[in-house]
Structures are given as C-alpha cells and as structure tokens.
Amino acid sequence: MTNSNTARSATASAGRQAEEQAARFLAQRGLKILARNVHCRGGELDIVCQEGKTIVFVEVRLRRNVSFGGAAASITQTKQRRVVLAAQHFLVTQGKTNADCRFDCVLLDGETIDWVRDAFAAD
C-alpha cells in the first residue's frame, strides 16, 4: 500500500469511528437511528435519525487538529447543499416528503463532542 493509500485508509477509519461515536451519542439522547451512510448522486447523509415526529439529518465532522479551523468550519455552503440534496432524495424514496425535518451537526474536535441542533436550513 502506498503512503497516500495508507493515509486515506486511516482517514476513512477515523471517519467511521467518529460516525459510530456520534450515533451512540445521539441514541443515548433519545434519537432513533434510522439509517447511516446514505448515498445518492451528488450527496451523502452520515446519520438519519428520528426525534419525535421530526426526521433529523446529521452531518458528522471530525477534526483532530483545530489549527485548520475546527470541525464546524469544514461545513461549507457546498457541503450543506449536498446534504440537503441527499436529504430530499431520502425523503422522496421513503415516502416522507411531508415530514418535518432539520439538519444537525455533531462536531468532534479533539476530545470534545458538540451537538449543534438546527445547524443549517434547507433553503
């Protein structure tokens, strides 16, 4: 394996661990995990949950080194649009186009975990 493949593999592994940690964190707070790693053309959903009657689309961001702006800084407008696109696809395929929904983020900066509810809007 080349150095770049090794680095990508380590990053992917850290990402999977961060998503697992975030899913446990949310489940412990009463959210029901509906799906994970939902892919569609043009977007991906890390975690889809339900809280009461609300469908919650959760973007998980990990930053081990906060010198580059921290996890929250990595959620750009482009990333938000891709998450919204994937959420719309999910809602259509699940027949839940009239469901209440929101977009949350779970941010892992070093040892800190923050849950940002209503982190961004679909518009």
PDB file of N, CA and C in Angstrom:
ATOM      1  N   MET A   1       0.852  -1.186   0.000  1.00  0.00           N
ATOM      2  CA  MET A   1       0.000   0.000   0.000  1.00  0.00           C
ATOM      3  C   MET A   1       0.893   1.243   0.000  1.00  0.00           C
ATOM      4  N   THR A   2       0.570   2.217  -0.818  1.00  0.00           N
ATOM      5  CA  THR A   2       1.364   3.442  -0.868  1.00  0.00           C
ATOM      6  C   THR A   2       1.024   4.337   0.310  1.00  0.00           C
ATOM      7  N   ASN A   3       1.871   5.331   0.513  1.00  0.00           N
ATOM      8  CA  ASN A   3       1.633   6.262   1.625  1.00  0.00           C
ATOM      9  C   ASN A   3       0.300   6.978   1.487  1.00  0.00           C
ATOM     10  N   SER A   4      -0.089   7.378   0.257  1.00  0.00           N
ATOM     11  CA  SER A   4      -1.361   8.083   0.088  1.00  0.00           C
ATOM     12  C   SER A   4      -2.535   7.151   0.350  1.00  0.00           C
ATOM     13  N   ASN A   5      -2.420   5.886  -0.044  1.00  0.00           N
ATOM     14  CA  ASN A   5      -3.478   4.914   0.253  1.00  0.00           C
ATOM     15  C   ASN A   5      -3.570   4.641   1.744  1.00  0.00           C
ATOM     16  N   THR A   6      -2.432   4.572   2.407  1.00  0.00           N
ATOM     17  CA  THR A   6      -2.415   4.363   3.854  1.00  0.00           C
ATOM     18  C   THR A   6      -3.066   5.541   4.567  1.00  0.00           C
ATOM     19  N   ALA A   7      -2.758   6.759   4.128  1.00  0.00           N
ATOM     20  CA  ALA A   7      -3.339   7.963   4.738  1.00  0.00           C
ATOM     21  C   ALA A   7      -4.844   7.992   4.519  1.00  0.00           C
ATOM     22  N   ARG A   8      -5.307   7.653   3.292  1.00  0.00           N
ATOM     23  CA  ARG A   8      -6.747   7.633   3.021  1.00  0.00           C
ATOM     24  C   ARG A   8      -7.450   6.592   3.866  1.00  0.00           C
ATOM     25  N   SER A   9      -6.824   5.429   4.005  1.00  0.00           N
ATOM     26  CA  SER A   9      -7.414   4.354   4.803  1.00  0.00           C
ATOM     27  C   SER A   9      -7.525   4.773   6.268  1.00  0.00           C
ATOM     28  N   ALA A  10      -6.504   5.425   6.781  1.00  0.00           N
ATOM     29  CA  ALA A  10      -6.528   5.897   8.175  1.00  0.00           C
ATOM     30  C   ALA A  10      -7.602   6.964   8.359  1.00  0.00           C
ATOM     31  N   THR A  11      -7.736   7.864   7.386  1.00  0.00           N
ATOM     32  CA  THR A  11      -8.760   8.913   7.453  1.00  0.00           C
ATOM     33  C   THR A  11     -10.154   8.304   7.405  1.00  0.00           C
ATOM     34  N   ALA A  12     -10.365   7.341   6.515  1.00  0.00           N
ATOM     35  CA  ALA A  12     -11.667   6.672   6.411  1.00  0.00           C
ATOM     36  C   ALA A  12     -12.003   5.946   7.703  1.00  0.00           C
ATOM     37  N   SER A  13     -11.015   5.299   8.287  1.00  0.00           N
ATOM     38  CA  SER A  13     -11.232   4.583   9.547  1.00  0.00           C
ATOM     39  C   SER A  13     -11.599   5.558  10.672  1.00  0.00           C
ATOM     40  N   ALA A  14     -10.906   6.678  10.734  1.00  0.00           N
ATOM     41  CA  ALA A  14     -11.210   7.691  11.752  1.00  0.00           C
ATOM     42  C   ALA A  14     -12.613   8.249  11.533  1.00  0.00           C
ATOM     43  N   GLY A  15     -12.994   8.440  10.273  1.00  0.00           N
ATOM     44  CA  GLY A  15     -14.337   8.925   9.957  1.00  0.00           C
ATOM     45  C   GLY A  15     -15.413   7.947  10.398  1.00  0.00           C
ATOM     46  N   ARG A  16     -15.189   6.659  10.136  1.00  0.00           N
ATOM     47  CA  ARG A  16     -16.159   5.638  10.563  1.00  0.00           C
ATOM     48  C   ARG A  16     -16.273   5.607  12.090  1.00  0.00           C
ATOM     49  N   GLN A  17     -15.155   5.721  12.769  1.00  0.00           N
ATOM     50  CA  GLN A  17     -15.186   5.736  14.235  1.00  0.00           C
ATOM     51  C   GLN A  17     -15.911   6.969  14.756  1.00  0.00           C
ATOM     52  N   ALA A  18     -15.709   8.108  14.117  1.00  0.00           N
ATOM     53  CA  ALA A  18     -16.390   9.343  14.524  1.00  0.00           C
ATOM     54  C   ALA A  18     -17.901   9.200  14.321  1.00  0.00           C
ATOM     55  N   GLU A  19     -18.314   8.611  13.197  1.00  0.00           N
ATOM     56  CA  GLU A  19     -19.737   8.415  12.942  1.00  0.00           C
ATOM     57  C   GLU A  19     -20.343   7.436  13.938  1.00  0.00           C
ATOM     58  N   GLU A  20     -19.602   6.409  14.299  1.00  0.00           N
ATOM     59  CA  GLU A  20     -20.081   5.450  15.306  1.00  0.00           C
ATOM     60  C   GLU A  20     -20.241   6.146  16.654  1.00  0.00           C
ATOM     61  N   GLN A  21     -19.271   6.956  17.033  1.00  0.00           N
ATOM     62  CA  GLN A  21     -19.335   7.702  18.298  1.00  0.00           C
ATOM     63  C   GLN A  21     -20.521   8.655  18.286  1.00  0.00           C
ATOM     64  N   ALA A  22     -20.727   9.337  17.178  1.00  0.00           N
ATOM     65  CA  ALA A  22     -21.850  10.279  17.062  1.00  0.00           C
ATOM     66  C   ALA A  22     -23.184   9.547  17.148  1.00  0.00           C
ATOM     67  N   ALA A  23     -23.307   8.387  16.493  1.00  0.00           N
ATOM     68  CA  ALA A  23     -24.552   7.616  16.539  1.00  0.00           C
ATOM     69  C   ALA A  23     -24.860   7.181  17.968  1.00  0.00           C
ATOM     70  N   ARG A  24     -23.850   6.705  18.686  1.00  0.00           N
ATOM     71  CA  ARG A  24     -24.059   6.321  20.095  1.00  0.00           C
ATOM     72  C   ARG A  24     -24.475   7.526  20.923  1.00  0.00           C
ATOM     73  N   PHE A  25     -23.814   8.643  20.713  1.00  0.00           N
ATOM     74  CA  PHE A  25     -24.101   9.890  21.428  1.00  0.00           C
ATOM     75  C   PHE A  25     -25.564  10.289  21.227  1.00  0.00           C
ATOM     76  N   LEU A  26     -26.029  10.261  19.975  1.00  0.00           N
ATOM     77  CA  LEU A  26     -27.411  10.658  19.670  1.00  0.00           C
ATOM     78  C   LEU A  26     -28.417   9.655  20.229  1.00  0.00           C
ATOM     79  N   ALA A  27     -28.125   8.373  20.112  1.00  0.00           N
ATOM     80  CA  ALA A  27     -29.030   7.339  20.642  1.00  0.00           C
ATOM     81  C   ALA A  27     -29.164   7.467  22.156  1.00  0.00           C
ATOM     82  N   GLN A  28     -28.082   7.795  22.830  1.00  0.00           N
ATOM     83  CA  GLN A  28     -28.119   7.979  24.286  1.00  0.00           C
ATOM     84  C   GLN A  28     -28.982   9.170  24.673  1.00  0.00           C
ATOM     85  N   ARG A  29     -29.205  10.071  23.739  1.00  0.00           N
ATOM     86  CA  ARG A  29     -30.027  11.254  23.992  1.00  0.00           C
ATOM     87  C   ARG A  29     -31.439  11.100  23.443  1.00  0.00           C
ATOM     88  N   GLY A  30     -31.810   9.868  23.116  1.00  0.00           N
ATOM     89  CA  GLY A  30     -33.190   9.561  22.777  1.00  0.00           C
ATOM     90  C   GLY A  30     -33.546   9.570  21.299  1.00  0.00           C
ATOM     91  N   LEU A  31     -32.603   9.830  20.409  1.00  0.00           N
ATOM     92  CA  LEU A  31     -32.906   9.807  18.985  1.00  0.00           C
ATOM     93  C   LEU A  31     -32.853   8.369  18.480  1.00  0.00           C
ATOM     94  N   LYS A  32     -33.738   8.063  17.577  1.00  0.00           N
ATOM     95  CA  LYS A  32     -33.781   6.730  16.969  1.00  0.00           C
ATOM     96  C   LYS A  32     -32.995   6.783  15.665  1.00  0.00           C
ATOM     97  N   ILE A  33     -31.993   5.942  15.532  1.00  0.00           N
ATOM     98  CA  ILE A  33     -31.191   5.906  14.318  1.00  0.00           C
ATOM     99  C   ILE A  33     -31.978   5.165  13.236  1.00  0.00           C
ATOM    100  N   LEU A  34     -32.242   5.847  12.118  1.00  0.00           N
ATOM    101  CA  LEU A  34     -32.986   5.245  11.012  1.00  0.00           C
ATOM    102  C   LEU A  34     -32.057   4.697   9.930  1.00  0.00           C
ATOM    103  N   ALA A  35     -30.966   5.396   9.665  1.00  0.00           N
ATOM    104  CA  ALA A  35     -30.054   4.983   8.603  1.00  0.00           C
ATOM    105  C   ALA A  35     -28.697   5.649   8.810  1.00  0.00           C
ATOM    106  N   ARG A  36     -27.687   5.034   8.206  1.00  0.00           N
ATOM    107  CA  ARG A  36     -26.337   5.608   8.251  1.00  0.00           C
ATOM    108  C   ARG A  36     -25.702   5.479   6.880  1.00  0.00           C
ATOM    109  N   ASN A  37     -24.867   6.433   6.558  1.00  0.00           N
ATOM    110  CA  ASN A  37     -24.120   6.428   5.299  1.00  0.00           C
ATOM    111  C   ASN A  37     -25.019   6.214   4.087  1.00  0.00           C
ATOM    112  N   VAL A  38     -26.016   7.072   3.957  1.00  0.00           N
ATOM    113  CA  VAL A  38     -26.944   7.021   2.828  1.00  0.00           C
ATOM    114  C   VAL A  38     -26.330   7.823   1.685  1.00  0.00           C
ATOM    115  N   HIS A  39     -26.128   7.157   0.547  1.00  0.00           N
ATOM    116  CA  HIS A  39     -25.512   7.806  -0.610  1.00  0.00           C
ATOM    117  C   HIS A  39     -26.536   8.002  -1.712  1.00  0.00           C
ATOM    118  N   CYS A  40     -26.416   9.100  -2.399  1.00  0.00           N
ATOM    119  CA  CYS A  40     -27.167   9.317  -3.635  1.00  0.00           C
ATOM    120  C   CYS A  40     -26.271  10.149  -4.531  1.00  0.00           C
ATOM    121  N   ARG A  41     -26.659  10.259  -5.766  1.00  0.00           N
ATOM    122  CA  ARG A  41     -25.847  11.040  -6.691  1.00  0.00           C
ATOM    123  C   ARG A  41     -25.774  12.485  -6.204  1.00  0.00           C
ATOM    124  N   GLY A  42     -24.574  12.932  -5.925  1.00  0.00           N
ATOM    125  CA  GLY A  42     -24.383  14.316  -5.524  1.00  0.00           C
ATOM    126  C   GLY A  42     -24.395  14.578  -4.034  1.00  0.00           C
ATOM    127  N   GLY A  43     -24.621  13.561  -3.206  1.00  0.00           N
ATOM    128  CA  GLY A  43     -24.638  13.817  -1.775  1.00  0.00           C
ATOM    129  C   GLY A  43     -24.585  12.561  -0.931  1.00  0.00           C
ATOM    130  N   GLU A  44     -24.389  12.769   0.353  1.00  0.00           N
ATOM    131  CA  GLU A  44     -24.337  11.675   1.311  1.00  0.00           C
ATOM    132  C   GLU A  44     -24.874  12.164   2.644  1.00  0.00           C
ATOM    133  N   LEU A  45     -25.550  11.265   3.347  1.00  0.00           N
ATOM    134  CA  LEU A  45     -26.022  11.542   4.701  1.00  0.00           C
ATOM    135  C   LEU A  45     -25.248  10.648   5.648  1.00  0.00           C
ATOM    136  N   ASP A  46     -24.620  11.246   6.658  1.00  0.00           N
ATOM    137  CA  ASP A  46     -23.865  10.444   7.624  1.00  0.00           C
ATOM    138  C   ASP A  46     -24.812   9.633   8.500  1.00  0.00           C
ATOM    139  N   ILE A  47     -25.771  10.326   9.130  1.00  0.00           N
ATOM    140  CA  ILE A  47     -26.727   9.663  10.021  1.00  0.00           C
ATOM    141  C   ILE A  47     -28.106  10.283   9.802  1.00  0.00           C
ATOM    142  N   VAL A  48     -29.122   9.423   9.738  1.00  0.00           N
ATOM    143  CA  VAL A  48     -30.511   9.885   9.684  1.00  0.00           C
ATOM    144  C   VAL A  48     -31.184   9.360  10.942  1.00  0.00           C
ATOM    145  N   CYS A  49     -31.794  10.265  11.704  1.00  0.00           N
ATOM    146  CA  CYS A  49     -32.429   9.915  12.972  1.00  0.00           C
ATOM    147  C   CYS A  49     -33.877  10.379  12.979  1.00  0.00           C
ATOM    148  N   GLN A  50     -34.551   9.961  14.009  1.00  0.00           N
ATOM    149  CA  GLN A  50     -35.888  10.477  14.248  1.00  0.00           C
ATOM    150  C   GLN A  50     -35.966  10.902  15.699  1.00  0.00           C
ATOM    151  N   GLU A  51     -36.475  12.112  15.911  1.00  0.00           N
ATOM    152  CA  GLU A  51     -36.721  12.625  17.252  1.00  0.00           C
ATOM    153  C   GLU A  51     -38.177  13.052  17.281  1.00  0.00           C
ATOM    154  N   GLY A  52     -38.996  12.268  17.983  1.00  0.00           N
ATOM    155  CA  GLY A  52     -40.431  12.503  17.943  1.00  0.00           C
ATOM    156  C   GLY A  52     -40.914  12.273  16.524  1.00  0.00           C
ATOM    157  N   LYS A  53     -41.567  13.281  15.934  1.00  0.00           N
ATOM    158  CA  LYS A  53     -42.045  13.168  14.550  1.00  0.00           C
ATOM    159  C   LYS A  53     -41.085  13.810  13.548  1.00  0.00           C
ATOM    160  N   THR A  54     -39.964  14.310  14.030  1.00  0.00           N
ATOM    161  CA  THR A  54     -39.018  15.026  13.178  1.00  0.00           C
ATOM    162  C   THR A  54     -37.914  14.097  12.676  1.00  0.00           C
ATOM    163  N   ILE A  55     -37.674  14.141  11.361  1.00  0.00           N
ATOM    164  CA  ILE A  55     -36.551  13.431  10.768  1.00  0.00           C
ATOM    165  C   ILE A  55     -35.339  14.359  10.891  1.00  0.00           C
ATOM    166  N   VAL A  56     -34.252  13.834  11.428  1.00  0.00           N
ATOM    167  CA  VAL A  56     -33.056  14.628  11.687  1.00  0.00           C
ATOM    168  C   VAL A  56     -31.913  14.094  10.826  1.00  0.00           C
ATOM    169  N   PHE A  57     -31.381  14.953   9.976  1.00  0.00           N
ATOM    170  CA  PHE A  57     -30.243  14.607   9.137  1.00  0.00           C
ATOM    171  C   PHE A  57     -28.995  15.163   9.823  1.00  0.00           C
ATOM    172  N   VAL A  58     -28.064  14.272  10.134  1.00  0.00           N
ATOM    173  CA  VAL A  58     -26.912  14.662  10.949  1.00  0.00           C
ATOM    174  C   VAL A  58     -25.624  14.548  10.140  1.00  0.00           C
ATOM    175  N   GLU A  59     -24.916  15.645  10.049  1.00  0.00           N
ATOM    176  CA  GLU A  59     -23.591  15.674   9.446  1.00  0.00           C
ATOM    177  C   GLU A  59     -22.573  15.542  10.578  1.00  0.00           C
ATOM    178  N   VAL A  60     -21.670  14.588  10.445  1.00  0.00           N
ATOM    179  CA  VAL A  60     -20.642  14.350  11.461  1.00  0.00           C
ATOM    180  C   VAL A  60     -19.326  14.882  10.919  1.00  0.00           C
ATOM    181  N   ARG A  61     -18.657  15.705  11.704  1.00  0.00           N
ATOM    182  CA  ARG A  61     -17.381  16.275  11.284  1.00  0.00           C
ATOM    183  C   ARG A  61     -16.350  16.052  12.367  1.00  0.00           C
ATOM    184  N   LEU A  62     -15.200  15.553  11.952  1.00  0.00           N
ATOM    185  CA  LEU A  62     -14.092  15.262  12.854  1.00  0.00           C
ATOM    186  C   LEU A  62     -12.902  16.118  12.465  1.00  0.00           C
ATOM    187  N   ARG A  63     -12.316  16.749  13.436  1.00  0.00           N
ATOM    188  CA  ARG A  63     -11.046  17.452  13.249  1.00  0.00           C
ATOM    189  C   ARG A  63     -10.177  17.138  14.450  1.00  0.00           C
ATOM    190  N   ARG A  64      -9.082  16.476  14.202  1.00  0.00           N
ATOM    191  CA  ARG A  64      -8.146  16.180  15.292  1.00  0.00           C
ATOM    192  C   ARG A  64      -7.275  17.383  15.596  1.00  0.00           C
ATOM    193  N   ASN A  65      -7.034  18.197  14.583  1.00  0.00           N
ATOM    194  CA  ASN A  65      -6.174  19.365  14.743  1.00  0.00           C
ATOM    195  C   ASN A  65      -7.006  20.617  14.457  1.00  0.00           C
ATOM    196  N   VAL A  66      -7.269  21.405  15.484  1.00  0.00           N
ATOM    197  CA  VAL A  66      -8.125  22.584  15.327  1.00  0.00           C
ATOM    198  C   VAL A  66      -7.399  23.761  14.681  1.00  0.00           C
ATOM    199  N   SER A  67      -6.125  23.611  14.341  1.00  0.00           N
ATOM    200  CA  SER A  67      -5.389  24.694  13.680  1.00  0.00           C
ATOM    201  C   SER A  67      -5.984  25.041  12.329  1.00  0.00           C
ATOM    202  N   PHE A  68      -6.703  24.116  11.718  1.00  0.00           N
ATOM    203  CA  PHE A  68      -7.291  24.355  10.405  1.00  0.00           C
ATOM    204  C   PHE A  68      -8.731  24.831  10.500  1.00  0.00           C
ATOM    205  N   GLY A  69      -9.159  25.322  11.656  1.00  0.00           N
ATOM    206  CA  GLY A  69     -10.468  25.929  11.774  1.00  0.00           C
ATOM    207  C   GLY A  69     -11.491  25.118  12.536  1.00  0.00           C
ATOM    208  N   GLY A  70     -11.176  23.911  12.912  1.00  0.00           N
ATOM    209  CA  GLY A  70     -12.122  23.113  13.674  1.00  0.00           C
ATOM    210  C   GLY A  70     -13.173  22.463  12.792  1.00  0.00           C
ATOM    211  N   ALA A  71     -13.941  21.565  13.384  1.00  0.00           N
ATOM    212  CA  ALA A  71     -14.933  20.778  12.650  1.00  0.00           C
ATOM    213  C   ALA A  71     -16.036  21.647  12.051  1.00  0.00           C
ATOM    214  N   ALA A  72     -16.506  22.624  12.786  1.00  0.00           N
ATOM    215  CA  ALA A  72     -17.610  23.466  12.292  1.00  0.00           C
ATOM    216  C   ALA A  72     -17.208  24.230  11.030  1.00  0.00           C
ATOM    217  N   ALA A  73     -15.967  24.660  10.962  1.00  0.00           N
ATOM    218  CA  ALA A  73     -15.504  25.428   9.801  1.00  0.00           C
ATOM    219  C   ALA A  73     -15.483  24.593   8.528  1.00  0.00           C
ATOM    220  N   SER A  74     -15.500  23.273   8.671  1.00  0.00           N
ATOM    221  CA  SER A  74     -15.422  22.409   7.490  1.00  0.00           C
ATOM    222  C   SER A  74     -16.783  22.164   6.836  1.00  0.00           C
ATOM    223  N   ILE A  75     -17.852  22.717   7.421  1.00  0.00           N
ATOM    224  CA  ILE A  75     -19.187  22.539   6.843  1.00  0.00           C
ATOM    225  C   ILE A  75     -19.503  23.761   5.980  1.00  0.00           C
ATOM    226  N   THR A  76     -19.039  23.684   4.758  1.00  0.00           N
ATOM    227  CA  THR A  76     -19.172  24.798   3.816  1.00  0.00           C
ATOM    228  C   THR A  76     -20.580  24.854   3.227  1.00  0.00           C
ATOM    229  N   GLN A  77     -20.871  25.928   2.512  1.00  0.00           N
ATOM    230  CA  GLN A  77     -22.152  26.047   1.806  1.00  0.00           C
ATOM    231  C   GLN A  77     -22.324  24.902   0.805  1.00  0.00           C
ATOM    232  N   THR A  78     -21.252  24.534   0.137  1.00  0.00           N
ATOM    233  CA  THR A  78     -21.306  23.424  -0.821  1.00  0.00           C
ATOM    234  C   THR A  78     -21.664  22.127  -0.113  1.00  0.00           C
ATOM    235  N   LYS A  79     -21.048  21.874   1.027  1.00  0.00           N
ATOM    236  CA  LYS A  79     -21.355  20.662   1.791  1.00  0.00           C
ATOM    237  C   LYS A  79     -22.815  20.690   2.237  1.00  0.00           C
ATOM    238  N   GLN A  80     -23.279  21.821   2.706  1.00  0.00           N
ATOM    239  CA  GLN A  80     -24.675  21.941   3.136  1.00  0.00           C
ATOM    240  C   GLN A  80     -25.628  21.626   1.983  1.00  0.00           C
ATOM    241  N   ARG A  81     -25.352  22.150   0.788  1.00  0.00           N
ATOM    242  CA  ARG A  81     -26.202  21.877  -0.374  1.00  0.00           C
ATOM    243  C   ARG A  81     -26.227  20.389  -0.698  1.00  0.00           C
ATOM    244  N   ARG A  82     -25.098  19.721  -0.581  1.00  0.00           N
ATOM    245  CA  ARG A  82     -25.037  18.280  -0.859  1.00  0.00           C
ATOM    246  C   ARG A  82     -25.833  17.480   0.168  1.00  0.00           C
ATOM    247  N   VAL A  83     -25.765  17.891   1.413  1.00  0.00           N
ATOM    248  CA  VAL A  83     -26.537  17.216   2.459  1.00  0.00           C
ATOM    249  C   VAL A  83     -28.032  17.420   2.217  1.00  0.00           C
ATOM    250  N   VAL A  84     -28.424  18.637   1.864  1.00  0.00           N
ATOM    251  CA  VAL A  84     -29.836  18.935   1.586  1.00  0.00           C
ATOM    252  C   VAL A  84     -30.321  18.106   0.396  1.00  0.00           C
ATOM    253  N   LEU A  85     -29.520  18.020  -0.653  1.00  0.00           N
ATOM    254  CA  LEU A  85     -29.883  17.218  -1.817  1.00  0.00           C
ATOM    255  C   LEU A  85     -30.093  15.748  -1.431  1.00  0.00           C
ATOM    256  N   ALA A  86     -29.175  15.208  -0.650  1.00  0.00           N
ATOM    257  CA  ALA A  86     -29.300  13.815  -0.210  1.00  0.00           C
ATOM    258  C   ALA A  86     -30.520  13.637   0.694  1.00  0.00           C
ATOM    259  N   ALA A  87     -30.805  14.627   1.528  1.00  0.00           N
ATOM    260  CA  ALA A  87     -31.979  14.556   2.409  1.00  0.00           C
ATOM    261  C   ALA A  87     -33.268  14.556   1.587  1.00  0.00           C
ATOM    262  N   GLN A  88     -33.326  15.392   0.572  1.00  0.00           N
ATOM    263  CA  GLN A  88     -34.510  15.423  -0.294  1.00  0.00           C
ATOM    264  C   GLN A  88     -34.703  14.068  -0.978  1.00  0.00           C
ATOM    265  N   HIS A  89     -33.624  13.498  -1.454  1.00  0.00           N
ATOM    266  CA  HIS A  89     -33.674  12.174  -2.083  1.00  0.00           C
ATOM    267  C   HIS A  89     -34.179  11.131  -1.080  1.00  0.00           C
ATOM    268  N   PHE A  90     -33.656  11.165   0.127  1.00  0.00           N
ATOM    269  CA  PHE A  90     -34.069  10.226   1.177  1.00  0.00           C
ATOM    270  C   PHE A  90     -35.564  10.349   1.447  1.00  0.00           C
ATOM    271  N   LEU A  91     -36.032  11.576   1.611  1.00  0.00           N
ATOM    272  CA  LEU A  91     -37.449  11.796   1.916  1.00  0.00           C
ATOM    273  C   LEU A  91     -38.348  11.279   0.795  1.00  0.00           C
ATOM    274  N   VAL A  92     -37.963  11.510  -0.446  1.00  0.00           N
ATOM    275  CA  VAL A  92     -38.758  11.045  -1.583  1.00  0.00           C
ATOM    276  C   VAL A  92     -38.772   9.519  -1.616  1.00  0.00           C
ATOM    277  N   THR A  93     -37.603   8.899  -1.493  1.00  0.00           N
ATOM    278  CA  THR A  93     -37.545   7.434  -1.592  1.00  0.00           C
ATOM    279  C   THR A  93     -38.236   6.741  -0.427  1.00  0.00           C
ATOM    280  N   GLN A  94     -38.347   7.418   0.709  1.00  0.00           N
ATOM    281  CA  GLN A  94     -39.005   6.847   1.883  1.00  0.00           C
ATOM    282  C   GLN A  94     -40.478   7.233   1.971  1.00  0.00           C
ATOM    283  N   GLY A  95     -40.956   8.020   1.011  1.00  0.00           N
ATOM    284  CA  GLY A  95     -42.352   8.448   1.025  1.00  0.00           C
ATOM    285  C   GLY A  95     -42.680   9.374   2.181  1.00  0.00           C
ATOM    286  N   LYS A  96     -41.726  10.199   2.572  1.00  0.00           N
ATOM    287  CA  LYS A  96     -41.908  11.096   3.717  1.00  0.00           C
ATOM    288  C   LYS A  96     -41.725  12.555   3.310  1.00  0.00           C
ATOM    289  N   THR A  97     -42.206  12.909   2.140  1.00  0.00           N
ATOM    290  CA  THR A  97     -41.976  14.259   1.634  1.00  0.00           C
ATOM    291  C   THR A  97     -42.636  15.350   2.468  1.00  0.00           C
ATOM    292  N   ASN A  98     -43.620  14.996   3.280  1.00  0.00           N
ATOM    293  CA  ASN A  98     -44.285  15.996   4.122  1.00  0.00           C
ATOM    294  C   ASN A  98     -43.780  15.985   5.565  1.00  0.00           C
ATOM    295  N   ALA A  99     -42.749  15.201   5.836  1.00  0.00           N
ATOM    296  CA  ALA A  99     -42.235  15.083   7.206  1.00  0.00           C
ATOM    297  C   ALA A  99     -41.526  16.367   7.637  1.00  0.00           C
ATOM    298  N   ASP A 100     -41.647  16.686   8.916  1.00  0.00           N
ATOM    299  CA  ASP A 100     -40.844  17.756   9.490  1.00  0.00           C
ATOM    300  C   ASP A 100     -39.412  17.246   9.538  1.00  0.00           C
ATOM    301  N   CYS A 101     -38.458  18.114   9.204  1.00  0.00           N
ATOM    302  CA  CYS A 101     -37.067  17.682   9.279  1.00  0.00           C
ATOM    303  C   CYS A 101     -36.183  18.850   9.685  1.00  0.00           C
ATOM    304  N   ARG A 102     -34.988  18.490  10.108  1.00  0.00           N
ATOM    305  CA  ARG A 102     -33.993  19.508  10.444  1.00  0.00           C
ATOM    306  C   ARG A 102     -32.608  18.937  10.166  1.00  0.00           C
ATOM    307  N   PHE A 103     -31.637  19.840  10.156  1.00  0.00           N
ATOM    308  CA  PHE A 103     -30.254  19.483   9.863  1.00  0.00           C
ATOM    309  C   PHE A 103     -29.398  19.822  11.073  1.00  0.00           C
ATOM    310  N   ASP A 104     -28.820  18.777  11.661  1.00  0.00           N
ATOM    311  CA  ASP A 104     -27.957  18.928  12.833  1.00  0.00           C
ATOM    312  C   ASP A 104     -26.527  18.575  12.451  1.00  0.00           C
ATOM    313  N   CYS A 105     -25.605  18.955  13.291  1.00  0.00           N
ATOM    314  CA  CYS A 105     -24.208  18.556  13.136  1.00  0.00           C
ATOM    315  C   CYS A 105     -23.706  18.017  14.471  1.00  0.00           C
ATOM    316  N   VAL A 106     -22.906  16.979  14.401  1.00  0.00           N
ATOM    317  CA  VAL A 106     -22.155  16.519  15.557  1.00  0.00           C
ATOM    318  C   VAL A 106     -20.699  16.799  15.212  1.00  0.00           C
ATOM    319  N   LEU A 107     -20.079  17.637  16.037  1.00  0.00           N
ATOM    320  CA  LEU A 107     -18.719  18.101  15.793  1.00  0.00           C
ATOM    321  C   LEU A 107     -17.778  17.469  16.802  1.00  0.00           C
ATOM    322  N   LEU A 108     -16.762  16.814  16.301  1.00  0.00           N
ATOM    323  CA  LEU A 108     -15.755  16.192  17.162  1.00  0.00           C
ATOM    324  C   LEU A 108     -14.435  16.908  16.924  1.00  0.00           C
ATOM    325  N   ASP A 109     -14.055  17.742  17.882  1.00  0.00           N
ATOM    326  CA  ASP A 109     -12.786  18.475  17.837  1.00  0.00           C
ATOM    327  C   ASP A 109     -11.909  17.931  18.941  1.00  0.00           C
ATOM    328  N   GLY A 110     -10.898  17.170  18.580  1.00  0.00           N
ATOM    329  CA  GLY A 110     -10.055  16.552  19.600  1.00  0.00           C
ATOM    330  C   GLY A 110     -10.898  15.634  20.454  1.00  0.00           C
ATOM    331  N   GLU A 111     -10.974  15.908  21.740  1.00  0.00           N
ATOM    332  CA  GLU A 111     -11.755  15.091  22.677  1.00  0.00           C
ATOM    333  C   GLU A 111     -13.149  15.662  22.938  1.00  0.00           C
ATOM    334  N   THR A 112     -13.467  16.794  22.327  1.00  0.00           N
ATOM    335  CA  THR A 112     -14.736  17.482  22.551  1.00  0.00           C
ATOM    336  C   THR A 112     -15.777  17.036  21.528  1.00  0.00           C
ATOM    337  N   ILE A 113     -16.998  16.787  22.017  1.00  0.00           N
ATOM    338  CA  ILE A 113     -18.099  16.467  21.113  1.00  0.00           C
ATOM    339  C   ILE A 113     -19.219  17.488  21.350  1.00  0.00           C
ATOM    340  N   ASP A 114     -19.648  18.133  20.279  1.00  0.00           N
ATOM    341  CA  ASP A 114     -20.716  19.132  20.355  1.00  0.00           C
ATOM    342  C   ASP A 114     -21.827  18.740  19.396  1.00  0.00           C
ATOM    343  N   TRP A 115     -23.057  18.873  19.859  1.00  0.00           N
ATOM    344  CA  TRP A 115     -24.241  18.601  19.034  1.00  0.00           C
ATOM    345  C   TRP A 115     -24.885  19.945  18.731  1.00  0.00           C
ATOM    346  N   VAL A 116     -24.900  20.321  17.474  1.00  0.00           N
ATOM    347  CA  VAL A 116     -25.498  21.577  17.050  1.00  0.00           C
ATOM    348  C   VAL A 116     -26.823  21.264  16.375  1.00  0.00           C
ATOM    349  N   ARG A 117     -27.913  21.565  17.065  1.00  0.00           N
ATOM    350  CA  ARG A 117     -29.251  21.343  16.519  1.00  0.00           C
ATOM    351  C   ARG A 117     -29.590  22.505  15.586  1.00  0.00           C
ATOM    352  N   ASP A 118     -30.320  22.194  14.518  1.00  0.00           N
ATOM    353  CA  ASP A 118     -30.688  23.210  13.527  1.00  0.00           C
ATOM    354  C   ASP A 118     -29.448  23.983  13.046  1.00  0.00           C
ATOM    355  N   ALA A 119     -28.429  23.238  12.686  1.00  0.00           N
ATOM    356  CA  ALA A 119     -27.152  23.861  12.279  1.00  0.00           C
ATOM    357  C   ALA A 119     -27.271  24.666  10.999  1.00  0.00           C
ATOM    358  N   PHE A 120     -28.142  24.211  10.087  1.00  0.00           N
ATOM    359  CA  PHE A 120     -28.389  24.951   8.859  1.00  0.00           C
ATOM    360  C   PHE A 120     -29.757  24.586   8.329  1.00  0.00           C
ATOM    361  N   ALA A 121     -30.236  25.383   7.384  1.00  0.00           N
ATOM    362  CA  ALA A 121     -31.578  25.194   6.830  1.00  0.00           C
ATOM    363  C   ALA A 121     -31.496  24.683   5.401  1.00  0.00           C
ATOM    364  N   ALA A 122     -32.603  24.164   4.917  1.00  0.00           N
ATOM    365  CA  ALA A 122     -32.659  23.605   3.564  1.00  0.00           C
ATOM    366  C   ALA A 122     -32.707  24.674   2.478  1.00  0.00           C
ATOM    367  N   ASP A 123     -32.997  25.905   2.811  1.00  0.00           N
ATOM    368  CA  ASP A 123     -33.136  26.934   1.784  1.00  0.00           C
ATOM    369  C   ASP A 123     -31.881  27.633   1.486  1.00  0.00           C
TER     370      ASP A 123
END
